[in-house]
């Protein structure tokens, strides 16, 4: 595969972000005033998946956490 088409070499530094901690997920959700069901709906995830993220049984993708914060007004857009 030609180098210019190798997507692995074009990964930006932002994709190496670490997953959020369960306490951060819970705190962000409660600050937004949402139940776990409502929070899951924001990012199209099930209640069970949200529960697993908050319990630490499953890692939330950093990009999904950023999307949740943007959609709930917990993080301002970078310009």
PDB file of N, CA and C in Angstrom:
ATOM      1  N   UNK A   1       0.846  -1.180   0.000  1.00  0.00           N
ATOM      2  CA  UNK A   1       0.000   0.000   0.000  1.00  0.00           C
ATOM      3  C   UNK A   1       0.887   1.236   0.000  1.00  0.00           C
ATOM      4  N   UNK A   2       0.634   2.181  -0.885  1.00  0.00           N
ATOM      5  CA  UNK A   2       1.445   3.398  -0.906  1.00  0.00           C
ATOM      6  C   UNK A   2       1.349   4.138   0.420  1.00  0.00           C
ATOM      7  N   UNK A   3       2.431   4.779   0.785  1.00  0.00           N
ATOM      8  CA  UNK A   3       2.490   5.493   2.065  1.00  0.00           C
ATOM      9  C   UNK A   3       1.352   6.493   2.216  1.00  0.00           C
ATOM     10  N   UNK A   4       1.010   7.218   1.175  1.00  0.00           N
ATOM     11  CA  UNK A   4      -0.026   8.250   1.280  1.00  0.00           C
ATOM     12  C   UNK A   4      -1.401   7.660   1.581  1.00  0.00           C
ATOM     13  N   UNK A   5      -1.582   6.374   1.310  1.00  0.00           N
ATOM     14  CA  UNK A   5      -2.869   5.742   1.569  1.00  0.00           C
ATOM     15  C   UNK A   5      -2.889   4.974   2.888  1.00  0.00           C
ATOM     16  N   UNK A   6      -1.762   4.913   3.559  1.00  0.00           N
ATOM     17  CA  UNK A   6      -1.686   4.189   4.825  1.00  0.00           C
ATOM     18  C   UNK A   6      -2.240   5.056   5.942  1.00  0.00           C
ATOM     19  N   UNK A   7      -3.463   4.798   6.347  1.00  0.00           N
ATOM     20  CA  UNK A   7      -4.130   5.627   7.352  1.00  0.00           C
ATOM     21  C   UNK A   7      -3.461   5.529   8.721  1.00  0.00           C
ATOM     22  N   UNK A   8      -2.787   4.449   8.991  1.00  0.00           N
ATOM     23  CA  UNK A   8      -2.129   4.311  10.294  1.00  0.00           C
ATOM     24  C   UNK A   8      -1.067   5.376  10.503  1.00  0.00           C
ATOM     25  N   UNK A   9      -0.452   5.838   9.446  1.00  0.00           N
ATOM     26  CA  UNK A   9       0.572   6.871   9.563  1.00  0.00           C
ATOM     27  C   UNK A   9      -0.018   8.268   9.643  1.00  0.00           C
ATOM     28  N   UNK A  10      -1.309   8.394   9.438  1.00  0.00           N
ATOM     29  CA  UNK A  10      -1.950   9.705   9.441  1.00  0.00           C
ATOM     30  C   UNK A  10      -2.828   9.918  10.661  1.00  0.00           C
ATOM     31  N   UNK A  11      -2.633   9.147  11.709  1.00  0.00           N
ATOM     32  CA  UNK A  11      -3.431   9.293  12.921  1.00  0.00           C
ATOM     33  C   UNK A  11      -2.944  10.519  13.678  1.00  0.00           C
ATOM     34  N   UNK A  12      -3.889  11.361  14.048  1.00  0.00           N
ATOM     35  CA  UNK A  12      -3.516  12.576  14.766  1.00  0.00           C
ATOM     36  C   UNK A  12      -3.312  12.267  16.245  1.00  0.00           C
ATOM     37  N   UNK A  13      -2.676  13.176  16.942  1.00  0.00           N
ATOM     38  CA  UNK A  13      -2.416  12.999  18.367  1.00  0.00           C
ATOM     39  C   UNK A  13      -3.706  12.925  19.170  1.00  0.00           C
ATOM     40  N   UNK A  14      -4.780  13.530  18.678  1.00  0.00           N
ATOM     41  CA  UNK A  14      -6.032  13.542  19.429  1.00  0.00           C
ATOM     42  C   UNK A  14      -6.648  12.157  19.551  1.00  0.00           C
ATOM     43  N   UNK A  15      -6.262  11.226  18.702  1.00  0.00           N
ATOM     44  CA  UNK A  15      -6.821   9.885  18.791  1.00  0.00           C
ATOM     45  C   UNK A  15      -6.130   9.048  19.857  1.00  0.00           C
ATOM     46  N   UNK A  16      -5.110   9.589  20.484  1.00  0.00           N
ATOM     47  CA  UNK A  16      -4.412   8.853  21.521  1.00  0.00           C
ATOM     48  C   UNK A  16      -4.870   9.282  22.910  1.00  0.00           C
ATOM     49  N   UNK A  17      -5.965  10.014  22.990  1.00  0.00           N
ATOM     50  CA  UNK A  17      -6.498  10.435  24.283  1.00  0.00           C
ATOM     51  C   UNK A  17      -6.895   9.211  25.099  1.00  0.00           C
ATOM     52  N   UNK A  18      -6.810   9.355  26.407  1.00  0.00           N
ATOM     53  CA  UNK A  18      -7.164   8.241  27.276  1.00  0.00           C
ATOM     54  C   UNK A  18      -8.655   8.261  27.596  1.00  0.00           C
ATOM     55  N   UNK A  19      -9.232   7.098  27.826  1.00  0.00           N
ATOM     56  CA  UNK A  19     -10.654   7.046  28.170  1.00  0.00           C
ATOM     57  C   UNK A  19     -10.931   7.786  29.475  1.00  0.00           C
ATOM     58  N   UNK A  20     -12.112   8.368  29.601  1.00  0.00           N
ATOM     59  CA  UNK A  20     -12.441   9.076  30.844  1.00  0.00           C
ATOM     60  C   UNK A  20     -12.614   8.101  32.000  1.00  0.00           C
ATOM     61  N   UNK A  21     -12.376   8.572  33.194  1.00  0.00           N
ATOM     62  CA  UNK A  21     -12.569   7.767  34.399  1.00  0.00           C
ATOM     63  C   UNK A  21     -14.067   7.682  34.705  1.00  0.00           C
ATOM     64  N   UNK A  22     -14.508   6.574  35.305  1.00  0.00           N
ATOM     65  CA  UNK A  22     -15.930   6.429  35.642  1.00  0.00           C
ATOM     66  C   UNK A  22     -16.483   7.598  36.468  1.00  0.00           C
ATOM     67  N   UNK A  23     -15.690   8.096  37.422  1.00  0.00           N
ATOM     68  CA  UNK A  23     -16.155   9.227  38.242  1.00  0.00           C
ATOM     69  C   UNK A  23     -16.374  10.479  37.405  1.00  0.00           C
ATOM     70  N   UNK A  24     -15.533  10.677  36.380  1.00  0.00           N
ATOM     71  CA  UNK A  24     -15.688  11.836  35.493  1.00  0.00           C
ATOM     72  C   UNK A  24     -16.950  11.699  34.645  1.00  0.00           C
ATOM     73  N   UNK A  25     -17.232  10.489  34.195  1.00  0.00           N
ATOM     74  CA  UNK A  25     -18.435  10.249  33.397  1.00  0.00           C
ATOM     75  C   UNK A  25     -19.670  10.543  34.238  1.00  0.00           C
ATOM     76  N   UNK A  26     -19.688  10.005  35.450  1.00  0.00           N
ATOM     77  CA  UNK A  26     -20.823  10.207  36.353  1.00  0.00           C
ATOM     78  C   UNK A  26     -20.996  11.695  36.700  1.00  0.00           C
ATOM     79  N   UNK A  27     -19.897  12.360  37.031  1.00  0.00           N
ATOM     80  CA  UNK A  27     -19.957  13.770  37.410  1.00  0.00           C
ATOM     81  C   UNK A  27     -20.448  14.645  36.260  1.00  0.00           C
ATOM     82  N   UNK A  28     -20.010  14.346  35.058  1.00  0.00           N
ATOM     83  CA  UNK A  28     -20.431  15.119  33.887  1.00  0.00           C
ATOM     84  C   UNK A  28     -21.915  14.908  33.611  1.00  0.00           C
ATOM     85  N   UNK A  29     -22.366  13.672  33.750  1.00  0.00           N
ATOM     86  CA  UNK A  29     -23.795  13.376  33.545  1.00  0.00           C
ATOM     87  C   UNK A  29     -24.649  14.091  34.577  1.00  0.00           C
ATOM     88  N   UNK A  30     -24.273  14.008  35.841  1.00  0.00           N
ATOM     89  CA  UNK A  30     -25.082  14.634  36.883  1.00  0.00           C
ATOM     90  C   UNK A  30     -25.050  16.159  36.772  1.00  0.00           C
ATOM     91  N   UNK A  31     -23.915  16.719  36.367  1.00  0.00           N
ATOM     92  CA  UNK A  31     -23.823  18.166  36.165  1.00  0.00           C
ATOM     93  C   UNK A  31     -24.756  18.620  35.045  1.00  0.00           C
ATOM     94  N   UNK A  32     -24.982  17.723  34.080  1.00  0.00           N
ATOM     95  CA  UNK A  32     -25.893  18.033  32.977  1.00  0.00           C
ATOM     96  C   UNK A  32     -27.348  17.809  33.386  1.00  0.00           C
ATOM     97  N   UNK A  33     -27.552  17.242  34.580  1.00  0.00           N
ATOM     98  CA  UNK A  33     -28.905  17.008  35.074  1.00  0.00           C
ATOM     99  C   UNK A  33     -29.632  15.882  34.375  1.00  0.00           C
ATOM    100  N   UNK A  34     -28.882  14.864  33.949  1.00  0.00           N
ATOM    101  CA  UNK A  34     -29.470  13.768  33.188  1.00  0.00           C
ATOM    102  C   UNK A  34     -29.443  12.455  33.963  1.00  0.00           C
ATOM    103  N   UNK A  35     -30.438  11.620  33.715  1.00  0.00           N
ATOM    104  CA  UNK A  35     -30.411  10.251  34.219  1.00  0.00           C
ATOM    105  C   UNK A  35     -29.470   9.456  33.328  1.00  0.00           C
ATOM    106  N   UNK A  36     -29.151   8.237  33.727  1.00  0.00           N
ATOM    107  CA  UNK A  36     -28.303   7.390  32.892  1.00  0.00           C
ATOM    108  C   UNK A  36     -28.986   7.081  31.562  1.00  0.00           C
ATOM    109  N   UNK A  37     -30.279   6.875  31.587  1.00  0.00           N
ATOM    110  CA  UNK A  37     -31.021   6.607  30.345  1.00  0.00           C
ATOM    111  C   UNK A  37     -30.951   7.801  29.412  1.00  0.00           C
ATOM    112  N   UNK A  38     -31.174   8.999  29.956  1.00  0.00           N
ATOM    113  CA  UNK A  38     -31.130  10.214  29.136  1.00  0.00           C
ATOM    114  C   UNK A  38     -29.726  10.461  28.587  1.00  0.00           C
ATOM    115  N   UNK A  39     -28.719  10.212  29.409  1.00  0.00           N
ATOM    116  CA  UNK A  39     -27.331  10.400  28.962  1.00  0.00           C
ATOM    117  C   UNK A  39     -27.006   9.443  27.825  1.00  0.00           C
ATOM    118  N   UNK A  40     -27.430   8.202  27.952  1.00  0.00           N
ATOM    119  CA  UNK A  40     -27.212   7.235  26.881  1.00  0.00           C
ATOM    120  C   UNK A  40     -27.885   7.671  25.593  1.00  0.00           C
ATOM    121  N   UNK A  41     -29.090   8.216  25.708  1.00  0.00           N
ATOM    122  CA  UNK A  41     -29.802   8.687  24.519  1.00  0.00           C
ATOM    123  C   UNK A  41     -29.036   9.788  23.791  1.00  0.00           C
ATOM    124  N   UNK A  42     -28.331  10.623  24.538  1.00  0.00           N
ATOM    125  CA  UNK A  42     -27.566  11.722  23.934  1.00  0.00           C
ATOM    126  C   UNK A  42     -26.529  11.186  22.947  1.00  0.00           C
ATOM    127  N   UNK A  43     -25.894  10.077  23.292  1.00  0.00           N
ATOM    128  CA  UNK A  43     -24.838   9.515  22.429  1.00  0.00           C
ATOM    129  C   UNK A  43     -25.250   8.195  21.787  1.00  0.00           C
ATOM    130  N   UNK A  44     -26.557   7.921  21.791  1.00  0.00           N
ATOM    131  CA  UNK A  44     -27.112   6.722  21.147  1.00  0.00           C
ATOM    132  C   UNK A  44     -26.537   5.440  21.740  1.00  0.00           C
ATOM    133  N   UNK A  45     -26.461   5.394  23.061  1.00  0.00           N
ATOM    134  CA  UNK A  45     -25.993   4.206  23.778  1.00  0.00           C
ATOM    135  C   UNK A  45     -27.122   3.702  24.672  1.00  0.00           C
ATOM    136  N   UNK A  46     -27.093   2.430  24.979  1.00  0.00           N
ATOM    137  CA  UNK A  46     -28.128   1.856  25.843  1.00  0.00           C
ATOM    138  C   UNK A  46     -27.882   2.222  27.305  1.00  0.00           C
ATOM    139  N   UNK A  47     -28.921   2.069  28.102  1.00  0.00           N
ATOM    140  CA  UNK A  47     -28.790   2.273  29.543  1.00  0.00           C
ATOM    141  C   UNK A  47     -27.710   1.348  30.099  1.00  0.00           C
ATOM    142  N   UNK A  48     -27.716   0.090  29.702  1.00  0.00           N
ATOM    143  CA  UNK A  48     -26.739  -0.879  30.212  1.00  0.00           C
ATOM    144  C   UNK A  48     -25.311  -0.455  29.886  1.00  0.00           C
ATOM    145  N   UNK A  49     -25.091   0.029  28.688  1.00  0.00           N
ATOM    146  CA  UNK A  49     -23.753   0.486  28.311  1.00  0.00           C
ATOM    147  C   UNK A  49     -23.329   1.653  29.188  1.00  0.00           C
ATOM    148  N   UNK A  50     -24.246   2.606  29.406  1.00  0.00           N
ATOM    149  CA  UNK A  50     -23.914   3.762  30.255  1.00  0.00           C
ATOM    150  C   UNK A  50     -23.579   3.293  31.668  1.00  0.00           C
ATOM    151  N   UNK A  51     -24.357   2.355  32.180  1.00  0.00           N
ATOM    152  CA  UNK A  51     -24.089   1.816  33.518  1.00  0.00           C
ATOM    153  C   UNK A  51     -22.703   1.183  33.584  1.00  0.00           C
ATOM    154  N   UNK A  52     -22.322   0.465  32.542  1.00  0.00           N
ATOM    155  CA  UNK A  52     -20.998  -0.165  32.507  1.00  0.00           C
ATOM    156  C   UNK A  52     -19.893   0.884  32.479  1.00  0.00           C
ATOM    157  N   UNK A  53     -20.101   1.981  31.763  1.00  0.00           N
ATOM    158  CA  UNK A  53     -19.105   3.056  31.736  1.00  0.00           C
ATOM    159  C   UNK A  53     -18.929   3.657  33.125  1.00  0.00           C
ATOM    160  N   UNK A  54     -20.038   3.931  33.796  1.00  0.00           N
ATOM    161  CA  UNK A  54     -19.954   4.543  35.122  1.00  0.00           C
ATOM    162  C   UNK A  54     -19.420   3.580  36.174  1.00  0.00           C
ATOM    163  N   UNK A  55     -19.628   2.301  35.993  1.00  0.00           N
ATOM    164  CA  UNK A  55     -19.139   1.301  36.939  1.00  0.00           C
ATOM    165  C   UNK A  55     -17.673   0.955  36.692  1.00  0.00           C
ATOM    166  N   UNK A  56     -17.148   1.352  35.556  1.00  0.00           N
ATOM    167  CA  UNK A  56     -15.771   1.016  35.214  1.00  0.00           C
ATOM    168  C   UNK A  56     -15.630  -0.372  34.619  1.00  0.00           C
ATOM    169  N   UNK A  57     -16.748  -1.001  34.269  1.00  0.00           N
ATOM    170  CA  UNK A  57     -16.712  -2.334  33.667  1.00  0.00           C
ATOM    171  C   UNK A  57     -16.402  -2.282  32.178  1.00  0.00           C
ATOM    172  N   UNK A  58     -16.505  -1.108  31.612  1.00  0.00           N
ATOM    173  CA  UNK A  58     -16.290  -0.915  30.178  1.00  0.00           C
ATOM    174  C   UNK A  58     -15.713   0.483  29.982  1.00  0.00           C
ATOM    175  N   UNK A  59     -14.782   0.622  29.060  1.00  0.00           N
ATOM    176  CA  UNK A  59     -14.156   1.922  28.789  1.00  0.00           C
ATOM    177  C   UNK A  59     -14.986   2.710  27.774  1.00  0.00           C
ATOM    178  N   UNK A  60     -15.217   3.967  28.065  1.00  0.00           N
ATOM    179  CA  UNK A  60     -15.895   4.849  27.122  1.00  0.00           C
ATOM    180  C   UNK A  60     -14.830   5.445  26.197  1.00  0.00           C
ATOM    181  N   UNK A  61     -15.108   5.467  24.918  1.00  0.00           N
ATOM    182  CA  UNK A  61     -14.168   6.058  23.961  1.00  0.00           C
ATOM    183  C   UNK A  61     -14.042   7.552  24.263  1.00  0.00           C
ATOM    184  N   UNK A  62     -12.815   8.079  24.280  1.00  0.00           N
ATOM    185  CA  UNK A  62     -12.618   9.496  24.587  1.00  0.00           C
ATOM    186  C   UNK A  62     -13.405  10.429  23.660  1.00  0.00           C
ATOM    187  N   UNK A  63     -13.522  10.056  22.387  1.00  0.00           N
ATOM    188  CA  UNK A  63     -14.272  10.887  21.445  1.00  0.00           C
ATOM    189  C   UNK A  63     -15.753  10.925  21.767  1.00  0.00           C
ATOM    190  N   UNK A  64     -16.267   9.831  22.265  1.00  0.00           N
ATOM    191  CA  UNK A  64     -17.674   9.774  22.640  1.00  0.00           C
ATOM    192  C   UNK A  64     -17.921  10.637  23.878  1.00  0.00           C
ATOM    193  N   UNK A  65     -16.975  10.620  24.811  1.00  0.00           N
ATOM    194  CA  UNK A  65     -17.100  11.467  26.000  1.00  0.00           C
ATOM    195  C   UNK A  65     -17.048  12.944  25.603  1.00  0.00           C
ATOM    196  N   UNK A  66     -16.169  13.269  24.683  1.00  0.00           N
ATOM    197  CA  UNK A  66     -16.087  14.647  24.197  1.00  0.00           C
ATOM    198  C   UNK A  66     -17.395  15.052  23.510  1.00  0.00           C
ATOM    199  N   UNK A  67     -17.958  14.168  22.712  1.00  0.00           N
ATOM    200  CA  UNK A  67     -19.235  14.438  22.058  1.00  0.00           C
ATOM    201  C   UNK A  67     -20.327  14.661  23.097  1.00  0.00           C
ATOM    202  N   UNK A  68     -20.373  13.820  24.120  1.00  0.00           N
ATOM    203  CA  UNK A  68     -21.372  13.979  25.176  1.00  0.00           C
ATOM    204  C   UNK A  68     -21.245  15.351  25.832  1.00  0.00           C
ATOM    205  N   UNK A  69     -20.021  15.742  26.146  1.00  0.00           N
ATOM    206  CA  UNK A  69     -19.811  17.044  26.795  1.00  0.00           C
ATOM    207  C   UNK A  69     -20.213  18.194  25.874  1.00  0.00           C
ATOM    208  N   UNK A  70     -19.907  18.081  24.597  1.00  0.00           N
ATOM    209  CA  UNK A  70     -20.291  19.131  23.657  1.00  0.00           C
ATOM    210  C   UNK A  70     -21.811  19.235  23.521  1.00  0.00           C
ATOM    211  N   UNK A  71     -22.472  18.085  23.414  1.00  0.00           N
ATOM    212  CA  UNK A  71     -23.918  18.080  23.213  1.00  0.00           C
ATOM    213  C   UNK A  71     -24.684  18.526  24.457  1.00  0.00           C
ATOM    214  N   UNK A  72     -24.083  18.381  25.627  1.00  0.00           N
ATOM    215  CA  UNK A  72     -24.759  18.775  26.859  1.00  0.00           C
ATOM    216  C   UNK A  72     -24.276  20.121  27.384  1.00  0.00           C
ATOM    217  N   UNK A  73     -23.400  20.784  26.647  1.00  0.00           N
ATOM    218  CA  UNK A  73     -22.917  22.096  27.054  1.00  0.00           C
ATOM    219  C   UNK A  73     -21.899  22.058  28.175  1.00  0.00           C
ATOM    220  N   UNK A  74     -21.301  20.883  28.435  1.00  0.00           N
ATOM    221  CA  UNK A  74     -20.316  20.758  29.505  1.00  0.00           C
ATOM    222  C   UNK A  74     -18.909  21.080  28.996  1.00  0.00           C
ATOM    223  N   UNK A  75     -18.740  21.272  27.689  1.00  0.00           N
ATOM    224  CA  UNK A  75     -17.449  21.625  27.124  1.00  0.00           C
ATOM    225  C   UNK A  75     -17.664  22.558  25.954  1.00  0.00           C
ATOM    226  N   UNK A  76     -16.850  23.580  25.891  1.00  0.00           N
ATOM    227  CA  UNK A  76     -16.962  24.535  24.792  1.00  0.00           C
ATOM    228  C   UNK A  76     -16.178  24.020  23.597  1.00  0.00           C
ATOM    229  N   UNK A  77     -16.672  24.350  22.407  1.00  0.00           N
ATOM    230  CA  UNK A  77     -15.989  23.963  21.162  1.00  0.00           C
ATOM    231  C   UNK A  77     -14.648  24.669  21.054  1.00  0.00           C
ATOM    232  N   UNK A  78     -13.653  23.946  20.551  1.00  0.00           N
ATOM    233  CA  UNK A  78     -12.341  24.526  20.296  1.00  0.00           C
ATOM    234  C   UNK A  78     -12.376  25.154  18.914  1.00  0.00           C
ATOM    235  N   UNK A  79     -11.838  26.350  18.815  1.00  0.00           N
ATOM    236  CA  UNK A  79     -11.895  27.044  17.528  1.00  0.00           C
ATOM    237  C   UNK A  79     -10.555  27.185  16.895  1.00  0.00           C
TER     238      UNK A  79
END
